[in-house]
Amino acid sequence: MAVTIIERHKSRKHTASWSNPSIEFLLAAWGSMDEAEVYAAVIAYLPLTYSNLTLLIESVDGDPQGGGVWYYTAKYGVAKAGTQADGTPLEGVGGSGGPTTPPPLPATDEALGPEFSGDFSGGTIKLTKGYEIVSSEVAPSIIAGGDGPPDYGGAIGVNKDSVEGVEVASSQFSWQVTKKFAFVTRDYWLRLKDMVNTVNDAVWWGAGKREVRFDGPSIRISSNLEAEITFKFTEQTSEYDIVLGPDGDQFTIAEKLGWDYLDVGFGAGTSEGFKVEVPKYAFVHRVYRESDFNELEIG
């Protein structure tokens, strides 16, 4: 005899919530004394999703009423721990099974996902050379002598023996991504430890080589071994064709990639009758180790 299923009174009771919405189906089934057969019929009767919520199959509860009659309660809600948004299980990371396949990055005109957060507060760097001089003033005695202000080649804070420079805010962008995994191996965790404070060795997530620094992870592991890891990064813009030195003795630094450090050396020079310290040479230092950010296994 085929199993008959109907919805009971007060079925589809729902809870509206941003964080944990839910809907309950209340069913009655009869036509068989075989619990497995009835349960299979109930599962087949229920839609996989309802009102954009994922059915959690393990929440279907049966209550035998006797005489071959069964009551079932099926709850629809957001995906539980250990599953992705579509209800499929999470995979572990660092083991033989490989990482969870990440979603593709959104296009430039698409919304960023809920797993992404960022901070544009930036950081500070010390500049010994400004981008341009917007104004200058000199004493009347210098003007009377036919001289102008000395040309330091853009150097800031010049004194007799050194160039002091100035601390300014830099164009940094801090951001983080949170991912969930069914488990995390110790080998993977040690890999992350070795990658802290390294920069990307190739273009990664749309950023140029050596522009992204991995600031480290934070991890929370639940009692069922599921891990939630937040990966933190800071991005530094690259600079190109940096012109140094006073007029007539200028030189150009072709590129300073991301987190590389530009070290400008100053030497004695003369300008408008003054002895001055001016840029004479420069080094671009690689001050952070590179690593393959694909080994983070987050896309």
C-alpha atoms as a PDB file:
ATOM      1  CA  MET A   1       0.000   0.000   0.000  1.00  0.00           C
ATOM      2  CA  ALA A   2       1.365   3.421  -0.940  1.00  0.00           C
ATOM      3  CA  VAL A   3       2.185   5.873   1.830  1.00  0.00           C
ATOM      4  CA  THR A   4      -0.151   8.892   1.976  1.00  0.00           C
ATOM      5  CA  ILE A   5       1.187  12.223   3.274  1.00  0.00           C
ATOM      6  CA  ILE A   6      -0.690  15.440   4.135  1.00  0.00           C
ATOM      7  CA  GLU A   7       0.204  18.616   5.961  1.00  0.00           C
ATOM      8  CA  ARG A   8      -1.220  18.972   9.444  1.00  0.00           C
ATOM      9  CA  HIS A   9      -2.887  21.926  11.124  1.00  0.00           C
ATOM     10  CA  LYS A  10      -0.484  24.831  11.882  1.00  0.00           C
ATOM     11  CA  SER A  11       2.107  23.585   9.389  1.00  0.00           C
ATOM     12  CA  ARG A  12       4.638  26.079   8.005  1.00  0.00           C
ATOM     13  CA  LYS A  13       5.139  28.007  11.214  1.00  0.00           C
ATOM     14  CA  HIS A  14       8.040  30.330  10.529  1.00  0.00           C
ATOM     15  CA  THR A  15      10.520  32.533  12.366  1.00  0.00           C
ATOM     16  CA  ALA A  16      11.755  35.648  10.553  1.00  0.00           C
ATOM     17  CA  SER A  17      15.335  36.431  11.548  1.00  0.00           C
ATOM     18  CA  TRP A  18      18.390  37.831   9.791  1.00  0.00           C
ATOM     19  CA  SER A  19      20.715  35.395  11.495  1.00  0.00           C
ATOM     20  CA  ASN A  20      18.611  32.237  11.912  1.00  0.00           C
ATOM     21  CA  PRO A  21      15.343  32.144   9.937  1.00  0.00           C
ATOM     22  CA  SER A  22      13.348  28.916  10.017  1.00  0.00           C
ATOM     23  CA  ILE A  23      10.135  27.261   8.817  1.00  0.00           C
ATOM     24  CA  GLU A  24       8.550  24.066  10.155  1.00  0.00           C
ATOM     25  CA  PHE A  25       6.455  21.592   8.157  1.00  0.00           C
ATOM     26  CA  LEU A  26       4.074  19.435  10.177  1.00  0.00           C
ATOM     27  CA  LEU A  27       3.111  16.260   8.298  1.00  0.00           C
ATOM     28  CA  ALA A  28       0.909  13.241   8.823  1.00  0.00           C
ATOM     29  CA  ALA A  29       1.692   9.945   7.036  1.00  0.00           C
ATOM     30  CA  TRP A  30      -0.072   6.548   6.936  1.00  0.00           C
ATOM     31  CA  GLY A  31      -0.229   3.468   4.782  1.00  0.00           C
ATOM     32  CA  SER A  32       2.682   1.415   6.104  1.00  0.00           C
ATOM     33  CA  MET A  33       3.952  -0.038   9.377  1.00  0.00           C
ATOM     34  CA  ASP A  34       7.546   0.071   8.047  1.00  0.00           C
ATOM     35  CA  GLU A  35       9.275   3.102   9.584  1.00  0.00           C
ATOM     36  CA  ALA A  36      12.018   3.199   6.940  1.00  0.00           C
ATOM     37  CA  GLU A  37       9.464   3.159   4.133  1.00  0.00           C
ATOM     38  CA  VAL A  38       7.449   5.963   5.697  1.00  0.00           C
ATOM     39  CA  TYR A  39      10.537   8.063   6.383  1.00  0.00           C
ATOM     40  CA  ALA A  40      11.714   7.660   2.776  1.00  0.00           C
ATOM     41  CA  ALA A  41       8.297   8.748   1.530  1.00  0.00           C
ATOM     42  CA  VAL A  42       8.385  11.833   3.769  1.00  0.00           C
ATOM     43  CA  ILE A  43      11.845  12.808   2.531  1.00  0.00           C
ATOM     44  CA  ALA A  44      10.711  12.388  -1.070  1.00  0.00           C
ATOM     45  CA  TYR A  45       7.617  14.504  -0.358  1.00  0.00           C
ATOM     46  CA  LEU A  46       9.546  17.444   1.102  1.00  0.00           C
ATOM     47  CA  PRO A  47      11.113  19.992  -1.283  1.00  0.00           C
ATOM     48  CA  LEU A  48      14.876  20.421  -0.987  1.00  0.00           C
ATOM     49  CA  THR A  49      14.518  24.143  -0.329  1.00  0.00           C
ATOM     50  CA  TYR A  50      11.728  26.408   0.784  1.00  0.00           C
ATOM     51  CA  SER A  51      11.662  30.214   0.772  1.00  0.00           C
ATOM     52  CA  ASN A  52      15.386  30.295  -0.089  1.00  0.00           C
ATOM     53  CA  LEU A  53      16.233  28.273   3.039  1.00  0.00           C
ATOM     54  CA  THR A  54      18.132  25.000   2.970  1.00  0.00           C
ATOM     55  CA  LEU A  55      16.360  21.958   4.405  1.00  0.00           C
ATOM     56  CA  LEU A  56      18.441  20.304   7.076  1.00  0.00           C
ATOM     57  CA  ILE A  57      17.549  16.640   6.563  1.00  0.00           C
ATOM     58  CA  GLU A  58      18.706  15.616  10.028  1.00  0.00           C
ATOM     59  CA  SER A  59      16.013  17.816  11.565  1.00  0.00           C
ATOM     60  CA  VAL A  60      13.138  15.646  10.223  1.00  0.00           C
ATOM     61  CA  ASP A  61      11.669  14.017  13.354  1.00  0.00           C
ATOM     62  CA  GLY A  62       9.083  11.217  13.390  1.00  0.00           C
ATOM     63  CA  ASP A  63       6.492  10.506  16.077  1.00  0.00           C
ATOM     64  CA  PRO A  64       4.496   7.223  15.698  1.00  0.00           C
ATOM     65  CA  GLN A  65       0.819   7.589  16.647  1.00  0.00           C
ATOM     66  CA  GLY A  66      -0.105   3.914  16.411  1.00  0.00           C
ATOM     67  CA  GLY A  67      -2.226   2.074  13.867  1.00  0.00           C
ATOM     68  CA  GLY A  68       0.213   2.889  11.049  1.00  0.00           C
ATOM     69  CA  VAL A  69      -0.141   6.663  11.509  1.00  0.00           C
ATOM     70  CA  TRP A  70       2.991   8.813  11.799  1.00  0.00           C
ATOM     71  CA  TYR A  71       3.538  12.509  12.581  1.00  0.00           C
ATOM     72  CA  TYR A  72       6.659  14.220  11.222  1.00  0.00           C
ATOM     73  CA  THR A  73       8.183  17.644  11.889  1.00  0.00           C
ATOM     74  CA  ALA A  74      10.581  18.967   9.238  1.00  0.00           C
ATOM     75  CA  LYS A  75      12.539  22.137   9.889  1.00  0.00           C
ATOM     76  CA  TYR A  76      13.924  24.407   7.193  1.00  0.00           C
ATOM     77  CA  GLY A  77      16.723  26.828   8.067  1.00  0.00           C
ATOM     78  CA  VAL A  78      20.193  28.104   7.235  1.00  0.00           C
ATOM     79  CA  ALA A  79      23.037  25.641   6.814  1.00  0.00           C
ATOM     80  CA  LYS A  80      24.398  24.231  10.046  1.00  0.00           C
ATOM     81  CA  ALA A  81      27.999  24.025  11.179  1.00  0.00           C
ATOM     82  CA  GLY A  82      30.061  21.746   8.985  1.00  0.00           C
ATOM     83  CA  THR A  83      28.171  22.634   5.804  1.00  0.00           C
ATOM     84  CA  GLN A  84      28.402  25.230   3.103  1.00  0.00           C
ATOM     85  CA  ALA A  85      25.542  27.586   2.228  1.00  0.00           C
ATOM     86  CA  ASP A  86      23.954  24.984  -0.064  1.00  0.00           C
ATOM     87  CA  GLY A  87      24.013  22.315   2.644  1.00  0.00           C
ATOM     88  CA  THR A  88      26.922  20.303   1.240  1.00  0.00           C
ATOM     89  CA  PRO A  89      29.639  19.285   3.732  1.00  0.00           C
ATOM     90  CA  LEU A  90      32.725  21.388   4.233  1.00  0.00           C
ATOM     91  CA  GLU A  91      36.059  19.818   3.382  1.00  0.00           C
ATOM     92  CA  GLY A  92      39.140  19.894   5.534  1.00  0.00           C
ATOM     93  CA  VAL A  93      42.234  21.898   4.724  1.00  0.00           C
ATOM     94  CA  GLY A  94      45.828  20.663   4.736  1.00  0.00           C
ATOM     95  CA  GLY A  95      44.883  16.993   4.365  1.00  0.00           C
ATOM     96  CA  SER A  96      44.808  14.632   1.429  1.00  0.00           C
ATOM     97  CA  GLY A  97      41.301  15.740   0.530  1.00  0.00           C
ATOM     98  CA  GLY A  98      42.493  19.227  -0.388  1.00  0.00           C
ATOM     99  CA  PRO A  99      40.823  22.546   0.345  1.00  0.00           C
ATOM    100  CA  THR A 100      37.232  23.578  -0.097  1.00  0.00           C
ATOM    101  CA  THR A 101      36.816  24.960  -3.615  1.00  0.00           C
ATOM    102  CA  PRO A 102      36.403  28.722  -3.133  1.00  0.00           C
ATOM    103  CA  PRO A 103      33.832  30.762  -5.051  1.00  0.00           C
ATOM    104  CA  PRO A 104      35.239  32.907  -7.868  1.00  0.00           C
ATOM    105  CA  LEU A 105      36.118  36.488  -7.004  1.00  0.00           C
ATOM    106  CA  PRO A 106      33.314  38.933  -7.825  1.00  0.00           C
ATOM    107  CA  ALA A 107      33.617  41.140 -10.870  1.00  0.00           C
ATOM    108  CA  THR A 108      34.449  44.808 -10.265  1.00  0.00           C
ATOM    109  CA  ASP A 109      30.755  45.749 -10.479  1.00  0.00           C
ATOM    110  CA  GLU A 110      29.514  42.914  -8.230  1.00  0.00           C
ATOM    111  CA  ALA A 111      28.962  43.031  -4.481  1.00  0.00           C
ATOM    112  CA  LEU A 112      31.663  41.623  -2.196  1.00  0.00           C
ATOM    113  CA  GLY A 113      30.615  38.575  -0.207  1.00  0.00           C
ATOM    114  CA  PRO A 114      29.890  38.377   3.521  1.00  0.00           C
ATOM    115  CA  GLU A 115      33.206  36.593   4.149  1.00  0.00           C
ATOM    116  CA  PHE A 116      35.148  39.769   3.279  1.00  0.00           C
ATOM    117  CA  SER A 117      35.886  42.791   5.470  1.00  0.00           C
ATOM    118  CA  GLY A 118      38.377  45.611   5.111  1.00  0.00           C
ATOM    119  CA  ASP A 119      39.883  48.704   6.712  1.00  0.00           C
ATOM    120  CA  PHE A 120      41.185  51.740   4.844  1.00  0.00           C
ATOM    121  CA  SER A 121      42.750  53.351   7.928  1.00  0.00           C
ATOM    122  CA  GLY A 122      46.242  52.621   6.532  1.00  0.00           C
ATOM    123  CA  GLY A 123      49.581  53.029   8.287  1.00  0.00           C
ATOM    124  CA  THR A 124      52.530  55.428   8.364  1.00  0.00           C
ATOM    125  CA  ILE A 125      55.838  55.608   6.544  1.00  0.00           C
ATOM    126  CA  LYS A 126      58.823  57.948   6.788  1.00  0.00           C
ATOM    127  CA  LEU A 127      59.472  60.102   3.735  1.00  0.00           C
ATOM    128  CA  THR A 128      62.820  61.779   3.177  1.00  0.00           C
ATOM    129  CA  LYS A 129      61.633  63.250  -0.126  1.00  0.00           C
ATOM    130  CA  GLY A 130      58.308  64.937  -0.852  1.00  0.00           C
ATOM    131  CA  TYR A 131      56.253  64.609  -4.021  1.00  0.00           C
ATOM    132  CA  GLU A 132      56.511  68.305  -4.822  1.00  0.00           C
ATOM    133  CA  ILE A 133      57.245  71.679  -3.197  1.00  0.00           C
ATOM    134  CA  VAL A 134      54.090  73.789  -3.282  1.00  0.00           C
ATOM    135  CA  SER A 135      55.577  76.991  -1.811  1.00  0.00           C
ATOM    136  CA  SER A 136      58.779  78.445  -0.347  1.00  0.00           C
ATOM    137  CA  GLU A 137      59.875  81.690   1.304  1.00  0.00           C
ATOM    138  CA  VAL A 138      63.330  83.214   1.736  1.00  0.00           C
ATOM    139  CA  ALA A 139      64.817  86.020   3.801  1.00  0.00           C
ATOM    140  CA  PRO A 140      65.012  89.498   2.200  1.00  0.00           C
ATOM    141  CA  SER A 141      68.817  89.423   2.468  1.00  0.00           C
ATOM    142  CA  ILE A 142      68.947  86.398   0.187  1.00  0.00           C
ATOM    143  CA  ILE A 143      66.647  88.032  -2.334  1.00  0.00           C
ATOM    144  CA  ALA A 144      68.806  91.195  -2.253  1.00  0.00           C
ATOM    145  CA  GLY A 145      71.833  89.099  -3.107  1.00  0.00           C
ATOM    146  CA  GLY A 146      70.095  87.757  -6.199  1.00  0.00           C
ATOM    147  CA  ASP A 147      69.810  84.266  -4.816  1.00  0.00           C
ATOM    148  CA  GLY A 148      66.805  82.010  -4.339  1.00  0.00           C
ATOM    149  CA  PRO A 149      66.049  79.209  -1.918  1.00  0.00           C
ATOM    150  CA  PRO A 150      68.451  76.245  -2.146  1.00  0.00           C
ATOM    151  CA  ASP A 151      67.352  73.234  -4.170  1.00  0.00           C
ATOM    152  CA  TYR A 152      67.446  70.123  -1.977  1.00  0.00           C
ATOM    153  CA  GLY A 153      65.984  67.931  -4.690  1.00  0.00           C
ATOM    154  CA  GLY A 154      62.783  67.481  -2.692  1.00  0.00           C
ATOM    155  CA  ALA A 155      64.561  66.314   0.494  1.00  0.00           C
ATOM    156  CA  ILE A 156      62.677  67.045   3.742  1.00  0.00           C
ATOM    157  CA  GLY A 157      64.155  68.032   7.102  1.00  0.00           C
ATOM    158  CA  VAL A 158      67.681  68.714   5.808  1.00  0.00           C
ATOM    159  CA  ASN A 159      70.284  69.717   8.374  1.00  0.00           C
ATOM    160  CA  LYS A 160      74.052  69.906   8.372  1.00  0.00           C
ATOM    161  CA  ASP A 161      74.724  66.200   8.716  1.00  0.00           C
ATOM    162  CA  SER A 162      71.557  64.325   7.755  1.00  0.00           C
ATOM    163  CA  VAL A 163      68.057  64.329   6.289  1.00  0.00           C
ATOM    164  CA  GLU A 164      65.446  63.808   8.996  1.00  0.00           C
ATOM    165  CA  GLY A 165      62.372  63.244   6.812  1.00  0.00           C
ATOM    166  CA  VAL A 166      58.771  63.223   8.059  1.00  0.00           C
ATOM    167  CA  GLU A 167      56.250  60.567   9.130  1.00  0.00           C
ATOM    168  CA  VAL A 168      53.145  60.540   6.906  1.00  0.00           C
ATOM    169  CA  ALA A 169      50.132  58.286   6.424  1.00  0.00           C
ATOM    170  CA  SER A 170      50.628  55.742   3.655  1.00  0.00           C
ATOM    171  CA  SER A 171      48.231  54.270   1.126  1.00  0.00           C
ATOM    172  CA  GLN A 172      47.680  50.944   2.842  1.00  0.00           C
ATOM    173  CA  PHE A 173      44.533  48.838   2.831  1.00  0.00           C
ATOM    174  CA  SER A 174      43.950  46.215   5.519  1.00  0.00           C
ATOM    175  CA  TRP A 175      41.425  43.470   4.830  1.00  0.00           C
ATOM    176  CA  GLN A 176      40.513  39.986   5.940  1.00  0.00           C
ATOM    177  CA  VAL A 177      38.701  36.901   4.710  1.00  0.00           C
ATOM    178  CA  THR A 178      37.000  34.308   6.927  1.00  0.00           C
ATOM    179  CA  LYS A 179      36.660  30.682   5.793  1.00  0.00           C
ATOM    180  CA  LYS A 180      35.223  27.572   7.421  1.00  0.00           C
ATOM    181  CA  PHE A 181      36.716  24.090   7.087  1.00  0.00           C
ATOM    182  CA  ALA A 182      35.625  20.705   8.389  1.00  0.00           C
ATOM    183  CA  PHE A 183      39.068  20.308   9.969  1.00  0.00           C
ATOM    184  CA  VAL A 184      42.578  21.769   9.902  1.00  0.00           C
ATOM    185  CA  THR A 185      45.749  19.694  10.050  1.00  0.00           C
ATOM    186  CA  ARG A 186      48.844  20.618  12.046  1.00  0.00           C
ATOM    187  CA  ASP A 187      50.888  20.634   8.837  1.00  0.00           C
ATOM    188  CA  TYR A 188      48.595  23.298   7.407  1.00  0.00           C
ATOM    189  CA  TRP A 189      48.795  25.370  10.590  1.00  0.00           C
ATOM    190  CA  LEU A 190      52.612  25.224  10.523  1.00  0.00           C
ATOM    191  CA  ARG A 191      52.481  26.293   6.880  1.00  0.00           C
ATOM    192  CA  LEU A 192      50.476  29.375   7.852  1.00  0.00           C
ATOM    193  CA  LYS A 193      52.946  30.161  10.639  1.00  0.00           C
ATOM    194  CA  ASP A 194      55.819  30.176   8.127  1.00  0.00           C
ATOM    195  CA  MET A 195      53.895  32.490   5.792  1.00  0.00           C
ATOM    196  CA  VAL A 196      53.125  35.204   8.352  1.00  0.00           C
ATOM    197  CA  ASN A 197      54.680  38.563   7.334  1.00  0.00           C
ATOM    198  CA  THR A 198      55.501  37.380   3.829  1.00  0.00           C
ATOM    199  CA  VAL A 199      54.327  39.017   0.591  1.00  0.00           C
ATOM    200  CA  ASN A 200      52.826  37.504  -2.534  1.00  0.00           C
ATOM    201  CA  ASP A 201      55.370  36.267  -5.064  1.00  0.00           C
ATOM    202  CA  ALA A 202      52.974  36.735  -8.003  1.00  0.00           C
ATOM    203  CA  VAL A 203      49.730  38.493  -8.897  1.00  0.00           C
ATOM    204  CA  TRP A 204      47.111  37.343  -6.374  1.00  0.00           C
ATOM    205  CA  TRP A 205      43.462  38.323  -5.938  1.00  0.00           C
ATOM    206  CA  GLY A 206      43.987  41.188  -8.385  1.00  0.00           C
ATOM    207  CA  ALA A 207      46.970  42.710  -6.525  1.00  0.00           C
ATOM    208  CA  GLY A 208      50.405  43.021  -8.092  1.00  0.00           C
ATOM    209  CA  LYS A 209      53.512  41.124  -7.054  1.00  0.00           C
ATOM    210  CA  ARG A 210      54.754  41.989  -3.509  1.00  0.00           C
ATOM    211  CA  GLU A 211      51.762  44.289  -2.886  1.00  0.00           C
ATOM    212  CA  VAL A 212      49.940  42.051  -0.360  1.00  0.00           C
ATOM    213  CA  ARG A 213      51.396  41.181   3.039  1.00  0.00           C
ATOM    214  CA  PHE A 214      49.947  38.248   4.988  1.00  0.00           C
ATOM    215  CA  ASP A 215      49.569  39.600   8.527  1.00  0.00           C
ATOM    216  CA  GLY A 216      48.566  36.261   9.984  1.00  0.00           C
ATOM    217  CA  PRO A 217      45.551  34.073  10.778  1.00  0.00           C
ATOM    218  CA  SER A 218      43.274  33.682  13.758  1.00  0.00           C
ATOM    219  CA  ILE A 219      41.547  30.354  14.270  1.00  0.00           C
ATOM    220  CA  ARG A 220      38.651  28.994  16.265  1.00  0.00           C
ATOM    221  CA  ILE A 221      38.035  25.239  16.383  1.00  0.00           C
ATOM    222  CA  SER A 222      34.727  23.896  17.704  1.00  0.00           C
ATOM    223  CA  SER A 223      34.121  20.638  19.543  1.00  0.00           C
ATOM    224  CA  ASN A 224      33.290  18.838  16.269  1.00  0.00           C
ATOM    225  CA  LEU A 225      36.717  19.856  14.806  1.00  0.00           C
ATOM    226  CA  GLU A 226      35.176  22.407  12.433  1.00  0.00           C
ATOM    227  CA  ALA A 227      37.587  25.326  12.046  1.00  0.00           C
ATOM    228  CA  GLU A 228      36.859  28.975  11.295  1.00  0.00           C
ATOM    229  CA  ILE A 229      39.963  30.846  10.148  1.00  0.00           C
ATOM    230  CA  THR A 230      40.256  34.582   9.550  1.00  0.00           C
ATOM    231  CA  PHE A 231      43.108  35.477   7.184  1.00  0.00           C
ATOM    232  CA  LYS A 232      44.400  39.051   7.614  1.00  0.00           C
ATOM    233  CA  PHE A 233      46.192  41.045   4.931  1.00  0.00           C
ATOM    234  CA  THR A 234      47.524  44.548   4.281  1.00  0.00           C
ATOM    235  CA  GLU A 235      47.980  45.896   0.779  1.00  0.00           C
ATOM    236  CA  GLN A 236      50.563  48.514  -0.236  1.00  0.00           C
ATOM    237  CA  THR A 237      50.465  50.295  -3.598  1.00  0.00           C
ATOM    238  CA  SER A 238      53.443  50.009  -5.948  1.00  0.00           C
ATOM    239  CA  GLU A 239      55.190  53.117  -7.296  1.00  0.00           C
ATOM    240  CA  TYR A 240      56.817  53.620 -10.672  1.00  0.00           C
ATOM    241  CA  ASP A 241      59.149  56.169 -12.313  1.00  0.00           C
ATOM    242  CA  ILE A 242      60.167  57.928  -9.075  1.00  0.00           C
ATOM    243  CA  VAL A 243      62.284  60.976  -9.907  1.00  0.00           C
ATOM    244  CA  LEU A 244      64.997  61.960  -7.386  1.00  0.00           C
ATOM    245  CA  GLY A 245      67.644  64.680  -7.230  1.00  0.00           C
ATOM    246  CA  PRO A 246      67.777  68.399  -8.037  1.00  0.00           C
ATOM    247  CA  ASP A 247      67.413  69.861 -11.516  1.00  0.00           C
ATOM    248  CA  GLY A 248      70.366  68.940 -13.692  1.00  0.00           C
ATOM    249  CA  ASP A 249      71.297  65.924 -11.583  1.00  0.00           C
ATOM    250  CA  GLN A 250      68.118  63.882 -11.506  1.00  0.00           C
ATOM    251  CA  PHE A 251      67.812  60.120 -11.676  1.00  0.00           C
ATOM    252  CA  THR A 252      64.799  57.819 -11.844  1.00  0.00           C
ATOM    253  CA  ILE A 253      63.824  54.697  -9.899  1.00  0.00           C
ATOM    254  CA  ALA A 254      61.894  52.565 -12.384  1.00  0.00           C
ATOM    255  CA  GLU A 255      59.762  50.734  -9.802  1.00  0.00           C
ATOM    256  CA  LYS A 256      59.239  50.159  -6.116  1.00  0.00           C
ATOM    257  CA  LEU A 257      56.878  47.233  -5.784  1.00  0.00           C
ATOM    258  CA  GLY A 258      54.407  47.249  -2.907  1.00  0.00           C
ATOM    259  CA  TRP A 259      56.216  46.447   0.324  1.00  0.00           C
ATOM    260  CA  ASP A 260      59.723  47.070  -1.040  1.00  0.00           C
ATOM    261  CA  TYR A 261      61.591  49.882   0.757  1.00  0.00           C
ATOM    262  CA  LEU A 262      63.087  52.864  -1.063  1.00  0.00           C
ATOM    263  CA  ASP A 263      66.331  53.929   0.652  1.00  0.00           C
ATOM    264  CA  VAL A 264      67.553  57.294  -0.613  1.00  0.00           C
ATOM    265  CA  GLY A 265      71.154  58.324  -0.024  1.00  0.00           C
ATOM    266  CA  PHE A 266      72.104  61.990   0.227  1.00  0.00           C
ATOM    267  CA  GLY A 267      75.373  63.753  -0.483  1.00  0.00           C
ATOM    268  CA  ALA A 268      76.865  67.207  -0.487  1.00  0.00           C
ATOM    269  CA  GLY A 269      75.897  69.636  -3.183  1.00  0.00           C
ATOM    270  CA  THR A 270      75.569  73.362  -3.778  1.00  0.00           C
ATOM    271  CA  SER A 271      72.571  75.411  -4.734  1.00  0.00           C
ATOM    272  CA  GLU A 272      72.167  79.170  -4.874  1.00  0.00           C
ATOM    273  CA  GLY A 273      75.450  79.523  -3.035  1.00  0.00           C
ATOM    274  CA  PHE A 274      74.418  77.164  -0.232  1.00  0.00           C
ATOM    275  CA  LYS A 275      75.980  73.861   0.686  1.00  0.00           C
ATOM    276  CA  VAL A 276      73.099  71.378   0.648  1.00  0.00           C
ATOM    277  CA  GLU A 277      72.368  67.682   1.065  1.00  0.00           C
ATOM    278  CA  VAL A 278      70.691  66.319  -2.069  1.00  0.00           C
ATOM    279  CA  PRO A 279      69.682  62.825  -3.277  1.00  0.00           C
ATOM    280  CA  LYS A 280      72.697  61.151  -4.847  1.00  0.00           C
ATOM    281  CA  TYR A 281      71.711  57.472  -5.023  1.00  0.00           C
ATOM    282  CA  ALA A 282      68.913  55.146  -4.021  1.00  0.00           C
ATOM    283  CA  PHE A 283      68.356  51.479  -3.280  1.00  0.00           C
ATOM    284  CA  VAL A 284      65.140  49.500  -3.515  1.00  0.00           C
ATOM    285  CA  HIS A 285      65.299  46.896  -0.746  1.00  0.00           C
ATOM    286  CA  ARG A 286      63.198  43.756  -0.549  1.00  0.00           C
ATOM    287  CA  VAL A 287      62.455  43.747   3.191  1.00  0.00           C
ATOM    288  CA  TYR A 288      59.805  40.985   3.285  1.00  0.00           C
ATOM    289  CA  ARG A 289      60.202  37.383   2.193  1.00  0.00           C
ATOM    290  CA  GLU A 290      58.027  36.187  -0.689  1.00  0.00           C
ATOM    291  CA  SER A 291      55.750  33.158  -0.540  1.00  0.00           C
ATOM    292  CA  ASP A 292      53.208  31.454  -2.768  1.00  0.00           C
ATOM    293  CA  PHE A 293      49.836  32.683  -1.491  1.00  0.00           C
ATOM    294  CA  ASN A 294      48.119  29.819  -3.302  1.00  0.00           C
ATOM    295  CA  GLU A 295      49.350  27.703  -0.400  1.00  0.00           C
ATOM    296  CA  LEU A 296      46.815  29.490   1.797  1.00  0.00           C
ATOM    297  CA  GLU A 297      44.230  27.446  -0.137  1.00  0.00           C
ATOM    298  CA  ILE A 298      41.559  30.149  -0.076  1.00  0.00           C
ATOM    299  CA  GLY A 299      41.500  30.905  -3.781  1.00  0.00           C
END
